[in-house]
Each structure stands twice: as C-alpha cells, then as structure tokens.
C-alpha cells in the first residue's frame, strides 16, 4: 500500500515518460511511481485525455486534485491561482474508486511553444 510520505522522496526527475495515447503529455518518475504503486494509471490517463478540453488545453499551469471520500472521489482542476483566487477549470465526481490515498495533488505544466505538457508531483517542481 502506498503512503503519501512515499512520494516525498521525489524531487525533480531523472526520466520523462511519454503517455502512450497522448504523445504530447509527459510525466515524471514520481508520477510513474504513483501510477504503478497505487494502480492509478487511470488517473494519469484521465488527466492526459482532459488536456484536449479547450479551457484546459490553453492553461500553462494546472493543479489537479483528487479527494477520496469512502469509495467515491472528486477530481478537480484549477489554474493554481497565479497570485489571485483559483479558477476551477474542471470538476468530476467519480462514483467508485479504490485509490489508496485520501487526497493527491498533481501539477501540469504546459509549454506553449512545443504544445507538450508534463504531469508532475508538486515536490518535483
């Protein structure tokens, strides 16, 4: 079972992994560890696929938060605030999940020049 403290050891990344279905989406060592040890590939797939939404696609910085309550969850995406109040860009209720953590934040940083984006743990920034 994964613990949130397991992810604290990831600061920066040595490798970049390209998402299999969304080649413009990369993710870090810490995100890969999370996906493998928490069986959370679905979460990475969801964040990657939602990069196609017009209001998310243009956002250079995104904060994705999954909050689990019993076996349901809420997934939200905000613009991180950028010095002001956070603007919610996306929200979804997930009717069932076996995700092992109560809450996780993942960041997405987009490069407007290459149109690539990277999913990372906040500690890897």
N, C-alpha and C. Protein backbone atom coordinates (compact mmCIF):
# COMPACT_ATOMS: atom_id res chain seq x y z
N UNK A 1 0.84 -1.19 0.00
CA UNK A 1 0.00 0.00 0.00
C UNK A 1 0.88 1.25 0.00
N UNK A 2 0.55 2.19 -0.84
CA UNK A 2 1.31 3.42 -0.95
C UNK A 2 0.87 4.41 0.13
N UNK A 3 1.83 5.20 0.61
CA UNK A 3 1.56 6.28 1.55
C UNK A 3 1.99 7.59 0.92
N UNK A 4 1.36 8.67 1.31
CA UNK A 4 1.71 9.98 0.78
C UNK A 4 3.18 10.29 1.05
N UNK A 5 3.70 9.84 2.19
CA UNK A 5 5.11 10.10 2.52
C UNK A 5 6.06 9.40 1.55
N UNK A 6 5.60 8.33 0.88
CA UNK A 6 6.43 7.66 -0.13
C UNK A 6 6.77 8.61 -1.28
N UNK A 7 5.90 9.55 -1.53
CA UNK A 7 6.08 10.45 -2.67
C UNK A 7 6.98 11.64 -2.34
N UNK A 8 7.23 11.87 -1.05
CA UNK A 8 8.07 13.00 -0.64
C UNK A 8 9.52 12.86 -1.13
N UNK A 9 9.93 11.64 -1.43
CA UNK A 9 11.31 11.40 -1.86
C UNK A 9 11.56 11.85 -3.30
N UNK A 10 10.52 12.19 -4.02
CA UNK A 10 10.68 12.59 -5.42
C UNK A 10 10.84 14.10 -5.50
N UNK A 11 12.06 14.51 -5.82
CA UNK A 11 12.37 15.93 -6.01
C UNK A 11 13.09 16.04 -7.34
N UNK A 12 12.42 16.61 -8.31
CA UNK A 12 12.96 16.60 -9.66
C UNK A 12 12.73 15.22 -10.27
N UNK A 13 13.21 15.01 -11.46
CA UNK A 13 13.06 13.71 -12.12
C UNK A 13 14.28 13.43 -12.96
N UNK A 14 14.61 12.17 -13.11
CA UNK A 14 15.71 11.77 -13.98
C UNK A 14 15.19 11.33 -15.34
N UNK A 15 13.93 10.93 -15.40
CA UNK A 15 13.35 10.40 -16.63
C UNK A 15 12.04 11.09 -16.95
N UNK A 16 11.73 11.15 -18.22
CA UNK A 16 10.45 11.65 -18.70
C UNK A 16 9.77 10.51 -19.45
N UNK A 17 8.52 10.27 -19.16
CA UNK A 17 7.78 9.19 -19.80
C UNK A 17 6.69 9.80 -20.66
N UNK A 18 6.62 9.37 -21.90
CA UNK A 18 5.61 9.88 -22.82
C UNK A 18 4.37 9.01 -22.70
N UNK A 19 3.22 9.66 -22.55
CA UNK A 19 1.95 8.93 -22.43
C UNK A 19 1.67 8.18 -23.72
N UNK A 20 1.23 6.94 -23.61
CA UNK A 20 1.04 6.09 -24.77
C UNK A 20 -0.03 6.56 -25.73
N UNK A 21 -1.12 7.14 -25.22
CA UNK A 21 -2.22 7.58 -26.09
C UNK A 21 -2.19 9.06 -26.40
N UNK A 22 -1.53 9.81 -25.57
CA UNK A 22 -1.45 11.27 -25.73
C UNK A 22 0.04 11.64 -25.81
N UNK A 23 0.64 11.56 -27.00
CA UNK A 23 2.09 11.72 -27.11
C UNK A 23 2.61 13.10 -26.73
N UNK A 24 1.74 14.09 -26.63
CA UNK A 24 2.20 15.41 -26.20
C UNK A 24 2.19 15.55 -24.68
N UNK A 25 1.83 14.48 -23.96
CA UNK A 25 1.80 14.50 -22.49
C UNK A 25 2.94 13.63 -21.98
N UNK A 26 3.76 14.23 -21.12
CA UNK A 26 4.85 13.51 -20.48
C UNK A 26 4.58 13.46 -18.98
N UNK A 27 5.23 12.55 -18.29
CA UNK A 27 5.12 12.52 -16.83
C UNK A 27 6.45 12.09 -16.24
N UNK A 28 6.59 12.33 -14.96
CA UNK A 28 7.87 12.20 -14.26
C UNK A 28 8.00 10.86 -13.55
N UNK A 29 9.18 10.66 -12.96
CA UNK A 29 9.43 9.45 -12.16
C UNK A 29 8.42 9.31 -11.02
N UNK A 30 8.13 10.39 -10.33
CA UNK A 30 7.20 10.34 -9.20
C UNK A 30 5.79 9.98 -9.62
N UNK A 31 5.35 10.52 -10.74
CA UNK A 31 4.02 10.21 -11.25
C UNK A 31 3.97 8.75 -11.70
N UNK A 32 5.04 8.29 -12.32
CA UNK A 32 5.09 6.88 -12.71
C UNK A 32 5.02 5.97 -11.49
N UNK A 33 5.76 6.33 -10.44
CA UNK A 33 5.74 5.56 -9.18
C UNK A 33 4.32 5.53 -8.62
N UNK A 34 3.65 6.68 -8.60
CA UNK A 34 2.28 6.75 -8.12
C UNK A 34 1.36 5.85 -8.94
N UNK A 35 1.48 5.93 -10.25
CA UNK A 35 0.62 5.14 -11.14
C UNK A 35 0.84 3.64 -10.91
N UNK A 36 2.08 3.24 -10.76
CA UNK A 36 2.37 1.82 -10.59
C UNK A 36 2.04 1.29 -9.21
N UNK A 37 2.38 2.03 -8.17
CA UNK A 37 2.21 1.53 -6.80
C UNK A 37 0.82 1.76 -6.22
N UNK A 38 0.07 2.68 -6.81
CA UNK A 38 -1.31 2.91 -6.35
C UNK A 38 -2.33 2.46 -7.39
N UNK A 39 -1.85 1.72 -8.40
CA UNK A 39 -2.71 1.30 -9.51
C UNK A 39 -3.54 2.48 -10.00
N UNK A 40 -2.85 3.57 -10.31
CA UNK A 40 -3.52 4.82 -10.67
C UNK A 40 -3.21 5.25 -12.10
N UNK A 41 -2.96 4.29 -12.97
CA UNK A 41 -2.77 4.65 -14.37
C UNK A 41 -4.01 5.34 -14.93
N UNK A 42 -5.17 4.96 -14.41
CA UNK A 42 -6.42 5.58 -14.85
C UNK A 42 -6.42 7.08 -14.59
N UNK A 43 -5.83 7.50 -13.47
CA UNK A 43 -5.79 8.92 -13.13
C UNK A 43 -4.89 9.68 -14.11
N UNK A 44 -3.76 9.11 -14.45
CA UNK A 44 -2.85 9.73 -15.41
C UNK A 44 -3.54 9.79 -16.78
N UNK A 45 -4.21 8.70 -17.16
CA UNK A 45 -4.95 8.68 -18.43
C UNK A 45 -6.01 9.76 -18.47
N UNK A 46 -6.73 9.93 -17.37
CA UNK A 46 -7.81 10.92 -17.29
C UNK A 46 -7.24 12.32 -17.44
N UNK A 47 -6.19 12.65 -16.69
CA UNK A 47 -5.59 13.98 -16.77
C UNK A 47 -5.04 14.22 -18.17
N UNK A 48 -4.40 13.22 -18.74
CA UNK A 48 -3.83 13.36 -20.09
C UNK A 48 -4.93 13.61 -21.11
N UNK A 49 -6.00 12.84 -21.06
CA UNK A 49 -7.06 12.99 -22.06
C UNK A 49 -7.81 14.31 -21.91
N UNK A 50 -7.92 14.79 -20.68
CA UNK A 50 -8.64 16.06 -20.47
C UNK A 50 -7.84 17.27 -20.92
N UNK A 51 -6.59 17.07 -21.31
CA UNK A 51 -5.80 18.16 -21.87
C UNK A 51 -6.36 18.62 -23.21
N UNK A 52 -7.25 17.83 -23.79
CA UNK A 52 -7.88 18.19 -25.06
C UNK A 52 -9.01 19.21 -24.91
N UNK A 53 -9.54 19.37 -23.69
CA UNK A 53 -10.62 20.34 -23.48
C UNK A 53 -10.09 21.75 -23.71
N UNK A 54 -10.82 22.58 -24.46
CA UNK A 54 -10.32 23.92 -24.80
C UNK A 54 -9.94 24.78 -23.59
N UNK A 55 -10.71 24.74 -22.51
CA UNK A 55 -10.40 25.59 -21.36
C UNK A 55 -9.22 25.07 -20.56
N UNK A 56 -8.84 23.81 -20.74
CA UNK A 56 -7.69 23.24 -20.04
C UNK A 56 -6.45 23.31 -20.93
N UNK A 57 -6.63 23.03 -22.20
CA UNK A 57 -5.53 22.99 -23.16
C UNK A 57 -4.70 24.27 -23.16
N UNK A 58 -5.33 25.40 -23.01
CA UNK A 58 -4.62 26.67 -23.05
C UNK A 58 -4.00 27.10 -21.74
N UNK A 59 -4.20 26.32 -20.69
CA UNK A 59 -3.72 26.68 -19.35
C UNK A 59 -2.29 26.17 -19.17
N UNK A 60 -1.35 27.09 -18.94
CA UNK A 60 0.06 26.71 -18.81
C UNK A 60 0.38 26.05 -17.48
N UNK A 61 -0.44 26.30 -16.46
CA UNK A 61 -0.23 25.66 -15.16
C UNK A 61 -1.58 25.20 -14.64
N UNK A 62 -1.63 23.95 -14.19
CA UNK A 62 -2.87 23.37 -13.69
C UNK A 62 -2.59 22.61 -12.40
N UNK A 63 -3.52 22.68 -11.48
CA UNK A 63 -3.46 21.88 -10.26
C UNK A 63 -4.63 20.91 -10.30
N UNK A 64 -4.29 19.63 -10.35
CA UNK A 64 -5.30 18.56 -10.34
C UNK A 64 -5.34 17.97 -8.95
N UNK A 65 -6.54 17.88 -8.39
CA UNK A 65 -6.71 17.36 -7.02
C UNK A 65 -7.75 16.25 -7.04
N UNK A 66 -7.36 15.11 -6.50
CA UNK A 66 -8.28 14.00 -6.31
C UNK A 66 -8.51 13.86 -4.82
N UNK A 67 -9.77 14.00 -4.39
CA UNK A 67 -10.14 13.83 -2.98
C UNK A 67 -11.08 12.64 -2.89
N UNK A 68 -10.68 11.68 -2.06
CA UNK A 68 -11.45 10.44 -1.92
C UNK A 68 -12.23 10.49 -0.61
N UNK A 69 -13.50 10.11 -0.69
CA UNK A 69 -14.36 10.01 0.48
C UNK A 69 -15.02 8.64 0.42
N UNK A 70 -14.58 7.74 1.28
CA UNK A 70 -15.01 6.35 1.27
C UNK A 70 -14.62 5.74 -0.08
N UNK A 71 -15.53 5.42 -0.94
CA UNK A 71 -15.19 4.82 -2.24
C UNK A 71 -15.58 5.73 -3.42
N UNK A 72 -15.95 6.97 -3.12
CA UNK A 72 -16.22 7.93 -4.18
C UNK A 72 -15.12 8.99 -4.13
N UNK A 73 -15.03 9.78 -5.19
CA UNK A 73 -13.98 10.79 -5.23
C UNK A 73 -14.45 11.98 -6.06
N UNK A 74 -13.77 13.08 -5.86
CA UNK A 74 -13.98 14.26 -6.68
C UNK A 74 -12.63 14.64 -7.28
N UNK A 75 -12.64 14.79 -8.60
CA UNK A 75 -11.45 15.23 -9.32
C UNK A 75 -11.69 16.65 -9.80
N UNK A 76 -10.79 17.55 -9.44
CA UNK A 76 -10.92 18.95 -9.87
C UNK A 76 -9.61 19.41 -10.49
N UNK A 77 -9.75 20.42 -11.33
CA UNK A 77 -8.59 21.07 -11.93
C UNK A 77 -8.79 22.57 -11.78
N UNK A 78 -7.76 23.24 -11.30
CA UNK A 78 -7.79 24.70 -11.21
C UNK A 78 -6.56 25.26 -11.91
N UNK A 79 -6.56 26.57 -12.05
CA UNK A 79 -5.41 27.24 -12.65
C UNK A 79 -4.32 27.54 -11.63
N UNK A 80 -4.49 27.08 -10.39
CA UNK A 80 -3.48 27.28 -9.35
C UNK A 80 -3.48 28.67 -8.74
N UNK A 81 -4.32 29.55 -9.24
CA UNK A 81 -4.44 30.88 -8.66
C UNK A 81 -3.57 31.94 -9.30
N UNK A 82 -2.33 31.62 -9.61
CA UNK A 82 -1.42 32.57 -10.25
C UNK A 82 -1.45 33.94 -9.57
N UNK A 83 -1.35 33.91 -8.24
CA UNK A 83 -1.31 35.16 -7.49
C UNK A 83 -2.67 35.70 -7.09
N UNK A 84 -3.74 35.09 -7.54
CA UNK A 84 -5.10 35.50 -7.20
C UNK A 84 -5.91 34.29 -6.80
N UNK A 85 -7.21 34.44 -6.78
CA UNK A 85 -8.05 33.29 -6.43
C UNK A 85 -7.98 32.21 -7.52
N UNK A 86 -8.04 30.97 -7.08
CA UNK A 86 -8.02 29.86 -8.04
C UNK A 86 -9.31 29.83 -8.84
N UNK A 87 -9.18 29.53 -10.12
CA UNK A 87 -10.33 29.38 -11.01
C UNK A 87 -10.48 27.91 -11.33
N UNK A 88 -11.66 27.36 -11.05
CA UNK A 88 -11.91 25.96 -11.36
C UNK A 88 -12.13 25.80 -12.85
N UNK A 89 -11.37 24.89 -13.44
CA UNK A 89 -11.45 24.62 -14.87
C UNK A 89 -12.22 23.35 -15.18
N UNK A 90 -12.26 22.45 -14.21
CA UNK A 90 -12.91 21.15 -14.44
C UNK A 90 -13.25 20.53 -13.09
N UNK A 91 -14.36 19.81 -13.03
CA UNK A 91 -14.74 19.05 -11.84
C UNK A 91 -15.55 17.83 -12.28
N UNK A 92 -15.30 16.74 -11.61
CA UNK A 92 -15.99 15.50 -11.92
C UNK A 92 -16.12 14.67 -10.65
N UNK A 93 -17.27 14.07 -10.45
CA UNK A 93 -17.46 13.11 -9.38
C UNK A 93 -17.21 11.72 -9.94
N UNK A 94 -16.42 10.96 -9.21
CA UNK A 94 -16.12 9.58 -9.60
C UNK A 94 -16.90 8.69 -8.65
N UNK A 95 -17.81 7.92 -9.21
CA UNK A 95 -18.74 7.12 -8.40
C UNK A 95 -18.07 6.01 -7.60
N UNK A 96 -17.00 5.47 -8.12
CA UNK A 96 -16.29 4.41 -7.39
C UNK A 96 -14.80 4.50 -7.68
N UNK A 97 -13.99 4.38 -6.63
CA UNK A 97 -12.55 4.30 -6.79
C UNK A 97 -11.99 3.45 -5.66
N UNK A 98 -10.90 2.78 -5.95
CA UNK A 98 -10.15 2.07 -4.91
C UNK A 98 -8.79 2.74 -4.69
N UNK A 99 -8.71 4.02 -5.09
CA UNK A 99 -7.47 4.78 -4.91
C UNK A 99 -7.09 4.75 -3.44
N UNK A 100 -5.82 4.52 -3.15
CA UNK A 100 -5.37 4.21 -1.80
C UNK A 100 -5.12 5.43 -0.90
N UNK A 101 -5.01 6.61 -1.48
CA UNK A 101 -4.76 7.81 -0.69
C UNK A 101 -6.04 8.61 -0.53
N UNK A 102 -6.13 9.38 0.55
CA UNK A 102 -7.31 10.23 0.77
C UNK A 102 -7.33 11.41 -0.19
N UNK A 103 -6.14 11.86 -0.57
CA UNK A 103 -6.04 13.04 -1.43
C UNK A 103 -4.68 13.05 -2.11
N UNK A 104 -4.65 13.55 -3.33
CA UNK A 104 -3.39 13.72 -4.05
C UNK A 104 -3.52 14.96 -4.94
N UNK A 105 -2.45 15.72 -5.01
CA UNK A 105 -2.35 16.83 -5.95
C UNK A 105 -1.31 16.47 -6.99
N UNK A 106 -1.64 16.73 -8.23
CA UNK A 106 -0.71 16.61 -9.33
C UNK A 106 -0.72 17.93 -10.08
N UNK A 107 0.44 18.34 -10.55
CA UNK A 107 0.53 19.57 -11.32
C UNK A 107 0.76 19.23 -12.78
N UNK A 108 0.27 20.10 -13.64
CA UNK A 108 0.55 20.00 -15.05
C UNK A 108 1.14 21.33 -15.48
N UNK A 109 2.29 21.26 -16.12
CA UNK A 109 2.92 22.45 -16.67
C UNK A 109 2.99 22.27 -18.18
N UNK A 110 2.49 23.26 -18.90
CA UNK A 110 2.43 23.19 -20.36
C UNK A 110 3.46 24.13 -20.97
N UNK A 111 3.99 23.72 -22.08
CA UNK A 111 4.92 24.54 -22.85
C UNK A 111 4.16 25.06 -24.08
N UNK A 112 3.87 26.37 -24.12
CA UNK A 112 3.09 26.91 -25.25
C UNK A 112 3.81 26.80 -26.59
N UNK A 113 5.13 26.62 -26.57
CA UNK A 113 5.89 26.56 -27.82
C UNK A 113 5.85 25.16 -28.42
N UNK A 114 6.02 24.14 -27.60
CA UNK A 114 6.04 22.77 -28.13
C UNK A 114 4.67 22.10 -28.05
N UNK A 115 3.77 22.68 -27.27
CA UNK A 115 2.45 22.10 -27.00
C UNK A 115 2.53 20.81 -26.21
N UNK A 116 3.68 20.51 -25.64
CA UNK A 116 3.81 19.39 -24.72
C UNK A 116 3.43 19.86 -23.33
N UNK A 117 3.02 18.93 -22.49
CA UNK A 117 2.80 19.26 -21.09
C UNK A 117 3.33 18.11 -20.25
N UNK A 118 3.68 18.42 -19.01
CA UNK A 118 4.26 17.46 -18.09
C UNK A 118 3.39 17.36 -16.86
N UNK A 119 3.06 16.12 -16.49
CA UNK A 119 2.35 15.85 -15.22
C UNK A 119 3.43 15.53 -14.20
N UNK A 120 3.39 16.22 -13.05
CA UNK A 120 4.41 16.02 -12.04
C UNK A 120 3.83 16.14 -10.64
N UNK A 121 4.55 15.59 -9.68
CA UNK A 121 4.23 15.79 -8.27
C UNK A 121 4.68 17.20 -7.90
N UNK A 122 3.99 17.88 -6.98
CA UNK A 122 4.44 19.21 -6.56
C UNK A 122 5.90 19.21 -6.07
N UNK A 123 6.34 18.15 -5.42
CA UNK A 123 7.71 18.09 -4.92
C UNK A 123 8.74 17.98 -6.05
N UNK A 124 8.29 17.64 -7.24
CA UNK A 124 9.22 17.50 -8.38
C UNK A 124 9.40 18.80 -9.15
N UNK A 125 8.68 19.84 -8.78
CA UNK A 125 8.76 21.12 -9.49
C UNK A 125 10.11 21.76 -9.28
